[in-house]
PDB file of all heavy atoms in Angstrom:
ATOM      1  N   PRO A   1      -0.594 -24.319   4.409  1.00  0.00           N
ATOM      2  CA  PRO A   1       0.834 -24.641   4.586  1.00  0.00           C
ATOM      3  C   PRO A   1       1.666 -23.391   4.895  1.00  0.00           C
ATOM      4  O   PRO A   1       2.558 -22.998   4.139  1.00  0.00           O
ATOM      5  CB  PRO A   1       1.201 -25.265   3.236  1.00  0.00           C
ATOM      6  CG  PRO A   1       0.290 -24.608   2.255  1.00  0.00           C
ATOM      7  CD  PRO A   1      -1.007 -24.410   2.996  1.00  0.00           C
ATOM      8  N   THR A   2       1.342 -22.758   6.032  1.00  0.00           N
ATOM      9  CA  THR A   2       2.032 -21.556   6.498  1.00  0.00           C
ATOM     10  C   THR A   2       2.431 -21.780   7.947  1.00  0.00           C
ATOM     11  O   THR A   2       1.949 -22.730   8.582  1.00  0.00           O
ATOM     12  CB  THR A   2       1.116 -20.325   6.388  1.00  0.00           C
ATOM     13  OG1 THR A   2      -0.035 -20.530   7.232  1.00  0.00           O
ATOM     14  CG2 THR A   2       0.659 -20.086   4.945  1.00  0.00           C
ATOM     15  N   PRO A   3       3.290 -20.953   8.519  1.00  0.00           N
ATOM     16  CA  PRO A   3       3.775 -21.209   9.888  1.00  0.00           C
ATOM     17  C   PRO A   3       2.683 -21.391  10.930  1.00  0.00           C
ATOM     18  O   PRO A   3       2.825 -22.224  11.830  1.00  0.00           O
ATOM     19  CB  PRO A   3       4.633 -19.982  10.184  1.00  0.00           C
ATOM     20  CG  PRO A   3       5.184 -19.595   8.843  1.00  0.00           C
ATOM     21  CD  PRO A   3       4.058 -19.856   7.874  1.00  0.00           C
ATOM     22  N   ASP A   4       1.589 -20.624  10.861  1.00  0.00           N
ATOM     23  CA  ASP A   4       0.534 -20.792  11.876  1.00  0.00           C
ATOM     24  C   ASP A   4      -0.772 -21.314  11.275  1.00  0.00           C
ATOM     25  O   ASP A   4      -1.803 -21.350  11.947  1.00  0.00           O
ATOM     26  CB  ASP A   4       0.295 -19.492  12.646  1.00  0.00           C
ATOM     27  CG  ASP A   4      -0.226 -18.345  11.774  1.00  0.00           C
ATOM     28  OD1 ASP A   4      -0.718 -18.613  10.669  1.00  0.00           O
ATOM     29  OD2 ASP A   4      -0.122 -17.179  12.212  1.00  0.00           O
ATOM     30  N   GLY A   5      -0.726 -21.714   9.989  1.00  0.00           N
ATOM     31  CA  GLY A   5      -1.896 -22.296   9.353  1.00  0.00           C
ATOM     32  C   GLY A   5      -2.860 -21.299   8.734  1.00  0.00           C
ATOM     33  O   GLY A   5      -3.802 -21.701   8.050  1.00  0.00           O
ATOM     34  N   THR A   6      -2.645 -19.986   8.978  1.00  0.00           N
ATOM     35  CA  THR A   6      -3.518 -18.980   8.377  1.00  0.00           C
ATOM     36  C   THR A   6      -2.810 -18.326   7.189  1.00  0.00           C
ATOM     37  O   THR A   6      -1.588 -18.396   7.055  1.00  0.00           O
ATOM     38  CB  THR A   6      -3.941 -17.904   9.398  1.00  0.00           C
ATOM     39  OG1 THR A   6      -2.800 -17.147   9.826  1.00  0.00           O
ATOM     40  CG2 THR A   6      -4.601 -18.549  10.615  1.00  0.00           C
ATOM     41  N   CYS A   7      -3.600 -17.694   6.314  1.00  0.00           N
ATOM     42  CA  CYS A   7      -3.055 -17.136   5.082  1.00  0.00           C
ATOM     43  C   CYS A   7      -2.002 -16.057   5.352  1.00  0.00           C
ATOM     44  O   CYS A   7      -2.114 -15.287   6.311  1.00  0.00           O
ATOM     45  CB  CYS A   7      -4.179 -16.522   4.248  1.00  0.00           C
ATOM     46  SG  CYS A   7      -5.338 -17.725   3.582  1.00  0.00           S
ATOM     47  N   LEU A   8      -1.003 -15.995   4.474  1.00  0.00           N
ATOM     48  CA  LEU A   8       0.024 -14.962   4.534  1.00  0.00           C
ATOM     49  C   LEU A   8      -0.281 -13.891   3.491  1.00  0.00           C
ATOM     50  O   LEU A   8      -0.547 -14.200   2.331  1.00  0.00           O
ATOM     51  CB  LEU A   8       1.406 -15.557   4.255  1.00  0.00           C
ATOM     52  CG  LEU A   8       2.014 -16.456   5.330  1.00  0.00           C
ATOM     53  CD1 LEU A   8       3.282 -17.110   4.793  1.00  0.00           C
ATOM     54  CD2 LEU A   8       2.331 -15.657   6.597  1.00  0.00           C
ATOM     55  N   ARG A   9      -0.218 -12.622   3.939  1.00  0.00           N
ATOM     56  CA  ARG A   9      -0.492 -11.509   3.050  1.00  0.00           C
ATOM     57  C   ARG A   9       0.529 -10.398   3.286  1.00  0.00           C
ATOM     58  O   ARG A   9       1.271 -10.396   4.264  1.00  0.00           O
ATOM     59  CB  ARG A   9      -1.911 -10.962   3.290  1.00  0.00           C
ATOM     60  CG  ARG A   9      -3.024 -11.931   2.932  1.00  0.00           C
ATOM     61  CD  ARG A   9      -3.118 -12.146   1.441  1.00  0.00           C
ATOM     62  NE  ARG A   9      -4.235 -13.006   1.073  1.00  0.00           N
ATOM     63  CZ  ARG A   9      -4.147 -14.314   0.915  1.00  0.00           C
ATOM     64  NH1 ARG A   9      -2.989 -14.938   1.091  1.00  0.00           N
ATOM     65  NH2 ARG A   9      -5.214 -15.021   0.552  1.00  0.00           N
ATOM     66  N   ASP A  10       0.512  -9.428   2.379  1.00  0.00           N
ATOM     67  CA  ASP A  10       1.398  -8.268   2.441  1.00  0.00           C
ATOM     68  C   ASP A  10       0.514  -7.059   2.732  1.00  0.00           C
ATOM     69  O   ASP A  10      -0.196  -6.572   1.854  1.00  0.00           O
ATOM     70  CB  ASP A  10       2.123  -8.112   1.094  1.00  0.00           C
ATOM     71  CG  ASP A  10       3.240  -7.087   1.125  1.00  0.00           C
ATOM     72  OD1 ASP A  10       3.151  -6.134   1.921  1.00  0.00           O
ATOM     73  OD2 ASP A  10       4.184  -7.219   0.332  1.00  0.00           O
ATOM     74  N   TYR A  11       0.521  -6.600   3.990  1.00  0.00           N
ATOM     75  CA  TYR A  11      -0.349  -5.500   4.408  1.00  0.00           C
ATOM     76  C   TYR A  11       0.421  -4.188   4.368  1.00  0.00           C
ATOM     77  O   TYR A  11       1.450  -4.036   5.032  1.00  0.00           O
ATOM     78  CB  TYR A  11      -0.881  -5.747   5.822  1.00  0.00           C
ATOM     79  CG  TYR A  11      -1.745  -6.985   5.918  1.00  0.00           C
ATOM     80  CD1 TYR A  11      -1.231  -8.194   6.397  1.00  0.00           C
ATOM     81  CD2 TYR A  11      -3.082  -6.957   5.527  1.00  0.00           C
ATOM     82  CE1 TYR A  11      -2.020  -9.331   6.484  1.00  0.00           C
ATOM     83  CE2 TYR A  11      -3.878  -8.091   5.605  1.00  0.00           C
ATOM     84  CZ  TYR A  11      -3.341  -9.277   6.084  1.00  0.00           C
ATOM     85  OH  TYR A  11      -4.120 -10.403   6.159  1.00  0.00           O
ATOM     86  N   ILE A  12      -0.107  -3.214   3.589  1.00  0.00           N
ATOM     87  CA  ILE A  12       0.579  -1.951   3.407  1.00  0.00           C
ATOM     88  C   ILE A  12      -0.272  -0.793   3.933  1.00  0.00           C
ATOM     89  O   ILE A  12      -1.493  -0.753   3.709  1.00  0.00           O
ATOM     90  CB  ILE A  12       0.939  -1.722   1.925  1.00  0.00           C
ATOM     91  CG1 ILE A  12       1.655  -0.384   1.742  1.00  0.00           C
ATOM     92  CG2 ILE A  12      -0.283  -1.838   1.018  1.00  0.00           C
ATOM     93  CD1 ILE A  12       2.215  -0.180   0.348  1.00  0.00           C
ATOM     94  N   ASP A  13       0.363   0.115   4.640  1.00  0.00           N
ATOM     95  CA  ASP A  13      -0.334   1.292   5.154  1.00  0.00           C
ATOM     96  C   ASP A  13      -0.868   2.119   3.991  1.00  0.00           C
ATOM     97  O   ASP A  13      -0.170   2.362   3.003  1.00  0.00           O
ATOM     98  CB  ASP A  13       0.626   2.135   6.000  1.00  0.00           C
ATOM     99  CG  ASP A  13      -0.078   3.260   6.718  1.00  0.00           C
ATOM    100  OD1 ASP A  13      -0.459   4.244   6.052  1.00  0.00           O
ATOM    101  OD2 ASP A  13      -0.241   3.181   7.946  1.00  0.00           O
ATOM    102  N   VAL A  14      -2.099   2.576   4.102  1.00  0.00           N
ATOM    103  CA  VAL A  14      -2.737   3.294   3.006  1.00  0.00           C
ATOM    104  C   VAL A  14      -2.020   4.598   2.668  1.00  0.00           C
ATOM    105  O   VAL A  14      -2.026   5.039   1.509  1.00  0.00           O
ATOM    106  CB  VAL A  14      -4.232   3.536   3.320  1.00  0.00           C
ATOM    107  CG1 VAL A  14      -4.403   4.511   4.480  1.00  0.00           C
ATOM    108  CG2 VAL A  14      -4.983   4.016   2.085  1.00  0.00           C
ATOM    109  N   VAL A  15      -1.366   5.222   3.642  1.00  0.00           N
ATOM    110  CA  VAL A  15      -0.617   6.449   3.352  1.00  0.00           C
ATOM    111  C   VAL A  15       0.630   6.126   2.531  1.00  0.00           C
ATOM    112  O   VAL A  15       0.984   6.849   1.588  1.00  0.00           O
ATOM    113  CB  VAL A  15      -0.258   7.207   4.646  1.00  0.00           C
ATOM    114  CG1 VAL A  15       0.608   8.431   4.335  1.00  0.00           C
ATOM    115  CG2 VAL A  15      -1.518   7.634   5.388  1.00  0.00           C
ATOM    116  N   ASP A  16       1.312   5.027   2.868  1.00  0.00           N
ATOM    117  CA  ASP A  16       2.435   4.580   2.039  1.00  0.00           C
ATOM    118  C   ASP A  16       1.966   4.287   0.615  1.00  0.00           C
ATOM    119  O   ASP A  16       2.629   4.639  -0.364  1.00  0.00           O
ATOM    120  CB  ASP A  16       3.066   3.317   2.625  1.00  0.00           C
ATOM    121  CG  ASP A  16       4.047   3.609   3.762  1.00  0.00           C
ATOM    122  OD1 ASP A  16       4.561   4.738   3.825  1.00  0.00           O
ATOM    123  OD2 ASP A  16       4.288   2.700   4.580  1.00  0.00           O
ATOM    124  N   LEU A  17       0.827   3.635   0.493  1.00  0.00           N
ATOM    125  CA  LEU A  17       0.281   3.324  -0.821  1.00  0.00           C
ATOM    126  C   LEU A  17      -0.029   4.609  -1.595  1.00  0.00           C
ATOM    127  O   LEU A  17       0.261   4.719  -2.794  1.00  0.00           O
ATOM    128  CB  LEU A  17      -0.980   2.476  -0.670  1.00  0.00           C
ATOM    129  CG  LEU A  17      -1.731   2.114  -1.942  1.00  0.00           C
ATOM    130  CD1 LEU A  17      -0.842   1.365  -2.920  1.00  0.00           C
ATOM    131  CD2 LEU A  17      -2.971   1.295  -1.610  1.00  0.00           C
ATOM    132  N   ALA A  18      -0.597   5.578  -0.913  1.00  0.00           N
ATOM    133  CA  ALA A  18      -0.902   6.857  -1.559  1.00  0.00           C
ATOM    134  C   ALA A  18       0.374   7.530  -2.065  1.00  0.00           C
ATOM    135  O   ALA A  18       0.401   8.079  -3.173  1.00  0.00           O
ATOM    136  CB  ALA A  18      -1.631   7.770  -0.574  1.00  0.00           C
ATOM    137  N   ARG A  19       1.445   7.457  -1.283  1.00  0.00           N
ATOM    138  CA  ARG A  19       2.710   8.065  -1.699  1.00  0.00           C
ATOM    139  C   ARG A  19       3.251   7.395  -2.964  1.00  0.00           C
ATOM    140  O   ARG A  19       3.916   8.033  -3.780  1.00  0.00           O
ATOM    141  CB  ARG A  19       3.744   7.966  -0.570  1.00  0.00           C
ATOM    142  CG  ARG A  19       3.500   8.869   0.619  1.00  0.00           C
ATOM    143  CD  ARG A  19       4.712   8.915   1.529  1.00  0.00           C
ATOM    144  NE  ARG A  19       5.135   7.607   1.988  1.00  0.00           N
ATOM    145  CZ  ARG A  19       6.180   6.929   1.488  1.00  0.00           C
ATOM    146  NH1 ARG A  19       6.916   7.441   0.501  1.00  0.00           N
ATOM    147  NH2 ARG A  19       6.484   5.730   1.964  1.00  0.00           N
ATOM    148  N   ALA A  20       2.968   6.107  -3.129  1.00  0.00           N
ATOM    149  CA  ALA A  20       3.420   5.399  -4.333  1.00  0.00           C
ATOM    150  C   ALA A  20       2.756   5.974  -5.577  1.00  0.00           C
ATOM    151  O   ALA A  20       3.376   6.058  -6.642  1.00  0.00           O
ATOM    152  CB  ALA A  20       3.123   3.905  -4.213  1.00  0.00           C
ATOM    153  N   HIS A  21       1.507   6.385  -5.474  1.00  0.00           N
ATOM    154  CA  HIS A  21       0.828   7.001  -6.613  1.00  0.00           C
ATOM    155  C   HIS A  21       1.459   8.348  -6.956  1.00  0.00           C
ATOM    156  O   HIS A  21       1.588   8.689  -8.134  1.00  0.00           O
ATOM    157  CB  HIS A  21      -0.666   7.159  -6.311  1.00  0.00           C
ATOM    158  CG  HIS A  21      -1.400   5.869  -6.255  1.00  0.00           C
ATOM    159  ND1 HIS A  21      -1.370   5.057  -5.144  1.00  0.00           N
ATOM    160  CD2 HIS A  21      -2.169   5.218  -7.170  1.00  0.00           C
ATOM    161  CE1 HIS A  21      -2.094   3.975  -5.380  1.00  0.00           C
ATOM    162  NE2 HIS A  21      -2.586   4.045  -6.606  1.00  0.00           N
ATOM    163  N   VAL A  22       1.843   9.094  -5.939  1.00  0.00           N
ATOM    164  CA  VAL A  22       2.535  10.365  -6.182  1.00  0.00           C
ATOM    165  C   VAL A  22       3.860  10.098  -6.896  1.00  0.00           C
ATOM    166  O   VAL A  22       4.226  10.794  -7.856  1.00  0.00           O
ATOM    167  CB  VAL A  22       2.769  11.136  -4.873  1.00  0.00           C
ATOM    168  CG1 VAL A  22       3.549  12.422  -5.133  1.00  0.00           C
ATOM    169  CG2 VAL A  22       1.447  11.449  -4.186  1.00  0.00           C
ATOM    170  N   ALA A  23       4.579   9.074  -6.442  1.00  0.00           N
ATOM    171  CA  ALA A  23       5.860   8.732  -7.069  1.00  0.00           C
ATOM    172  C   ALA A  23       5.663   8.337  -8.526  1.00  0.00           C
ATOM    173  O   ALA A  23       6.499   8.656  -9.391  1.00  0.00           O
ATOM    174  CB  ALA A  23       6.533   7.593  -6.295  1.00  0.00           C
ATOM    175  N   ALA A  24       4.560   7.646  -8.833  1.00  0.00           N
ATOM    176  CA  ALA A  24       4.279   7.254 -10.217  1.00  0.00           C
ATOM    177  C   ALA A  24       4.003   8.485 -11.084  1.00  0.00           C
ATOM    178  O   ALA A  24       4.491   8.589 -12.214  1.00  0.00           O
ATOM    179  CB  ALA A  24       3.101   6.289 -10.257  1.00  0.00           C
ATOM    180  N   VAL A  25       3.226   9.430 -10.560  1.00  0.00           N
ATOM    181  CA  VAL A  25       2.956  10.660 -11.309  1.00  0.00           C
ATOM    182  C   VAL A  25       4.248  11.445 -11.507  1.00  0.00           C
ATOM    183  O   VAL A  25       4.515  11.977 -12.594  1.00  0.00           O
ATOM    184  CB  VAL A  25       1.885  11.508 -10.590  1.00  0.00           C
ATOM    185  CG1 VAL A  25       1.713  12.866 -11.283  1.00  0.00           C
ATOM    186  CG2 VAL A  25       0.545  10.776 -10.551  1.00  0.00           C
ATOM    187  N   ASP A  26       5.070  11.514 -10.457  1.00  0.00           N
ATOM    188  CA  ASP A  26       6.369  12.186 -10.581  1.00  0.00           C
ATOM    189  C   ASP A  26       7.195  11.568 -11.711  1.00  0.00           C
ATOM    190  O   ASP A  26       7.814  12.282 -12.509  1.00  0.00           O
ATOM    191  CB  ASP A  26       7.156  12.075  -9.275  1.00  0.00           C
ATOM    192  CG  ASP A  26       6.682  13.025  -8.186  1.00  0.00           C
ATOM    193  OD1 ASP A  26       5.942  13.980  -8.501  1.00  0.00           O
ATOM    194  OD2 ASP A  26       7.062  12.806  -7.020  1.00  0.00           O
ATOM    195  N   ARG A  27       7.234  10.234 -11.754  1.00  0.00           N
ATOM    196  CA  ARG A  27       8.041   9.543 -12.767  1.00  0.00           C
ATOM    197  C   ARG A  27       7.571   9.916 -14.171  1.00  0.00           C
ATOM    198  O   ARG A  27       8.393  10.111 -15.084  1.00  0.00           O
ATOM    199  CB  ARG A  27       7.955   8.033 -12.540  1.00  0.00           C
ATOM    200  CG  ARG A  27       8.797   7.198 -13.529  1.00  0.00           C
ATOM    201  CD  ARG A  27       8.857   5.754 -13.059  1.00  0.00           C
ATOM    202  NE  ARG A  27       9.499   4.871 -14.015  1.00  0.00           N
ATOM    203  CZ  ARG A  27      10.816   4.705 -14.142  1.00  0.00           C
ATOM    204  NH1 ARG A  27      11.632   5.404 -13.366  1.00  0.00           N
ATOM    205  NH2 ARG A  27      11.316   3.861 -15.027  1.00  0.00           N
ATOM    206  N   MET A  28       6.278  10.025 -14.357  1.00  0.00           N
ATOM    207  CA  MET A  28       5.733  10.396 -15.657  1.00  0.00           C
ATOM    208  C   MET A  28       6.045  11.845 -16.007  1.00  0.00           C
ATOM    209  O   MET A  28       6.573  12.151 -17.077  1.00  0.00           O
ATOM    210  CB  MET A  28       4.217  10.187 -15.653  1.00  0.00           C
ATOM    211  CG  MET A  28       3.792   8.734 -15.606  1.00  0.00           C
ATOM    212  SD  MET A  28       1.988   8.619 -15.474  1.00  0.00           S
ATOM    213  CE  MET A  28       1.716   7.037 -16.240  1.00  0.00           C
ATOM    214  N   THR A  29       5.692  12.751 -15.108  1.00  0.00           N
ATOM    215  CA  THR A  29       5.802  14.175 -15.421  1.00  0.00           C
ATOM    216  C   THR A  29       7.254  14.638 -15.522  1.00  0.00           C
ATOM    217  O   THR A  29       7.538  15.630 -16.182  1.00  0.00           O
ATOM    218  CB  THR A  29       5.060  15.019 -14.373  1.00  0.00           C
ATOM    219  OG1 THR A  29       5.589  14.742 -13.066  1.00  0.00           O
ATOM    220  CG2 THR A  29       3.566  14.705 -14.372  1.00  0.00           C
ATOM    221  N   GLN A  30       8.160  13.899 -14.876  1.00  0.00           N
ATOM    222  CA  GLN A  30       9.577  14.263 -14.936  1.00  0.00           C
ATOM    223  C   GLN A  30      10.313  13.576 -16.084  1.00  0.00           C
ATOM    224  O   GLN A  30      11.539  13.705 -16.214  1.00  0.00           O
ATOM    225  CB  GLN A  30      10.245  13.927 -13.605  1.00  0.00           C
ATOM    226  CG  GLN A  30       9.744  14.779 -12.437  1.00  0.00           C
ATOM    227  CD  GLN A  30      10.196  14.260 -11.084  1.00  0.00           C
ATOM    228  OE1 GLN A  30      11.050  13.358 -10.995  1.00  0.00           O
ATOM    229  NE2 GLN A  30       9.633  14.807 -10.016  1.00  0.00           N
ATOM    230  N   GLY A  31       9.575  12.811 -16.904  1.00  0.00           N
ATOM    231  CA  GLY A  31      10.174  12.183 -18.074  1.00  0.00           C
ATOM    232  C   GLY A  31      11.155  11.075 -17.754  1.00  0.00           C
ATOM    233  O   GLY A  31      12.105  10.840 -18.502  1.00  0.00           O
ATOM    234  N   ARG A  32      10.905  10.334 -16.670  1.00  0.00           N
ATOM    235  CA  ARG A  32      11.850   9.298 -16.244  1.00  0.00           C
ATOM    236  C   ARG A  32      11.423   7.885 -16.644  1.00  0.00           C
ATOM    237  O   ARG A  32      12.102   6.916 -16.309  1.00  0.00           O
ATOM    238  CB  ARG A  32      12.058   9.368 -14.725  1.00  0.00           C
ATOM    239  CG  ARG A  32      12.737  10.656 -14.266  1.00  0.00           C
ATOM    240  CD  ARG A  32      13.120  10.603 -12.790  1.00  0.00           C
ATOM    241  NE  ARG A  32      11.966  10.725 -11.909  1.00  0.00           N
ATOM    242  CZ  ARG A  32      11.494   9.767 -11.121  1.00  0.00           C
ATOM    243  NH1 ARG A  32      12.050   8.559 -11.142  1.00  0.00           N
ATOM    244  NH2 ARG A  32      10.454   9.980 -10.342  1.00  0.00           N
ATOM    245  N   MET A  33      10.296   7.746 -17.343  1.00  0.00           N
ATOM    246  CA  MET A  33       9.838   6.410 -17.726  1.00  0.00           C
ATOM    247  C   MET A  33      10.783   5.791 -18.747  1.00  0.00           C
ATOM    248  O   MET A  33      11.298   6.482 -19.634  1.00  0.00           O
ATOM    249  CB  MET A  33       8.414   6.465 -18.273  1.00  0.00           C
ATOM    250  CG  MET A  33       7.371   6.811 -17.220  1.00  0.00           C
ATOM    251  SD  MET A  33       5.677   6.796 -17.887  1.00  0.00           S
ATOM    252  CE  MET A  33       5.455   5.036 -18.218  1.00  0.00           C
ATOM    253  N   GLU A  34      11.004   4.489 -18.615  1.00  0.00           N
ATOM    254  CA  GLU A  34      11.881   3.767 -19.536  1.00  0.00           C
ATOM    255  C   GLU A  34      11.098   3.130 -20.683  1.00  0.00           C
ATOM    256  O   GLU A  34      11.696   2.629 -21.649  1.00  0.00           O
ATOM    257  CB  GLU A  34      12.665   2.703 -18.768  1.00  0.00           C
ATOM    258  CG  GLU A  34      13.599   3.311 -17.708  1.00  0.00           C
ATOM    259  CD  GLU A  34      14.238   2.262 -16.809  1.00  0.00           C
ATOM    260  OE1 GLU A  34      14.040   1.049 -17.071  1.00  0.00           O
ATOM    261  OE2 GLU A  34      14.921   2.649 -15.846  1.00  0.00           O
ATOM    262  N   ALA A  35       9.782   3.140 -20.585  1.00  0.00           N
ATOM    263  CA  ALA A  35       8.900   2.634 -21.638  1.00  0.00           C
ATOM    264  C   ALA A  35       7.580   3.367 -21.506  1.00  0.00           C
ATOM    265  O   ALA A  35       7.310   4.013 -20.486  1.00  0.00           O
ATOM    266  CB  ALA A  35       8.705   1.123 -21.492  1.00  0.00           C
ATOM    267  N   SER A  36       6.739   3.267 -22.525  1.00  0.00           N
ATOM    268  CA  SER A  36       5.466   3.999 -22.470  1.00  0.00           C
ATOM    269  C   SER A  36       4.486   3.377 -21.481  1.00  0.00           C
ATOM    270  O   SER A  36       3.523   4.029 -21.060  1.00  0.00           O
ATOM    271  CB  SER A  36       4.832   4.054 -23.856  1.00  0.00           C
ATOM    272  OG  SER A  36       4.516   2.737 -24.308  1.00  0.00           O
ATOM    273  N   TYR A  37       4.724   2.105 -21.112  1.00  0.00           N
ATOM    274  CA  TYR A  37       3.861   1.419 -20.151  1.00  0.00           C
ATOM    275  C   TYR A  37       4.738   0.648 -19.168  1.00  0.00           C
ATOM    276  O   TYR A  37       5.629  -0.095 -19.581  1.00  0.00           O
ATOM    277  CB  TYR A  37       2.911   0.459 -20.864  1.00  0.00           C
ATOM    278  CG  TYR A  37       2.109  -0.419 -19.933  1.00  0.00           C
ATOM    279  CD1 TYR A  37       1.099   0.110 -19.137  1.00  0.00           C
ATOM    280  CD2 TYR A  37       2.366  -1.791 -19.843  1.00  0.00           C
ATOM    281  CE1 TYR A  37       0.363  -0.695 -18.281  1.00  0.00           C
ATOM    282  CE2 TYR A  37       1.628  -2.612 -18.995  1.00  0.00           C
ATOM    283  CZ  TYR A  37       0.631  -2.062 -18.214  1.00  0.00           C
ATOM    284  OH  TYR A  37      -0.098  -2.854 -17.365  1.00  0.00           O
ATOM    285  N   GLU A  38       4.498   0.851 -17.887  1.00  0.00           N
ATOM    286  CA  GLU A  38       5.293   0.194 -16.848  1.00  0.00           C
ATOM    287  C   GLU A  38       4.373  -0.358 -15.754  1.00  0.00           C
ATOM    288  O   GLU A  38       3.250   0.121 -15.568  1.00  0.00           O
ATOM    289  CB  GLU A  38       6.293   1.172 -16.227  1.00  0.00           C
ATOM    290  CG  GLU A  38       7.330   1.701 -17.204  1.00  0.00           C
ATOM    291  CD  GLU A  38       8.274   2.718 -16.582  1.00  0.00           C
ATOM    292  OE1 GLU A  38       7.885   3.389 -15.589  1.00  0.00           O
ATOM    293  OE2 GLU A  38       9.405   2.859 -17.087  1.00  0.00           O
ATOM    294  N   VAL A  39       4.890  -1.354 -15.040  1.00  0.00           N
ATOM    295  CA  VAL A  39       4.146  -2.012 -13.964  1.00  0.00           C
ATOM    296  C   VAL A  39       5.031  -2.081 -12.728  1.00  0.00           C
ATOM    297  O   VAL A  39       6.234  -2.386 -12.832  1.00  0.00           O
ATOM    298  CB  VAL A  39       3.729  -3.439 -14.377  1.00  0.00           C
ATOM    299  CG1 VAL A  39       3.115  -4.186 -13.202  1.00  0.00           C
ATOM    300  CG2 VAL A  39       2.764  -3.396 -15.543  1.00  0.00           C
TER     301      VAL A  39
END
């Protein structure tokens, strides 16, 4: 039940994904977390 009948997905460039991990480490090391565990 999609516009062309095939599955819909969210495709992300692997370099963008890699940058997200850097941003997560930055958030931790810079003391910006709002809780001890985040998603």
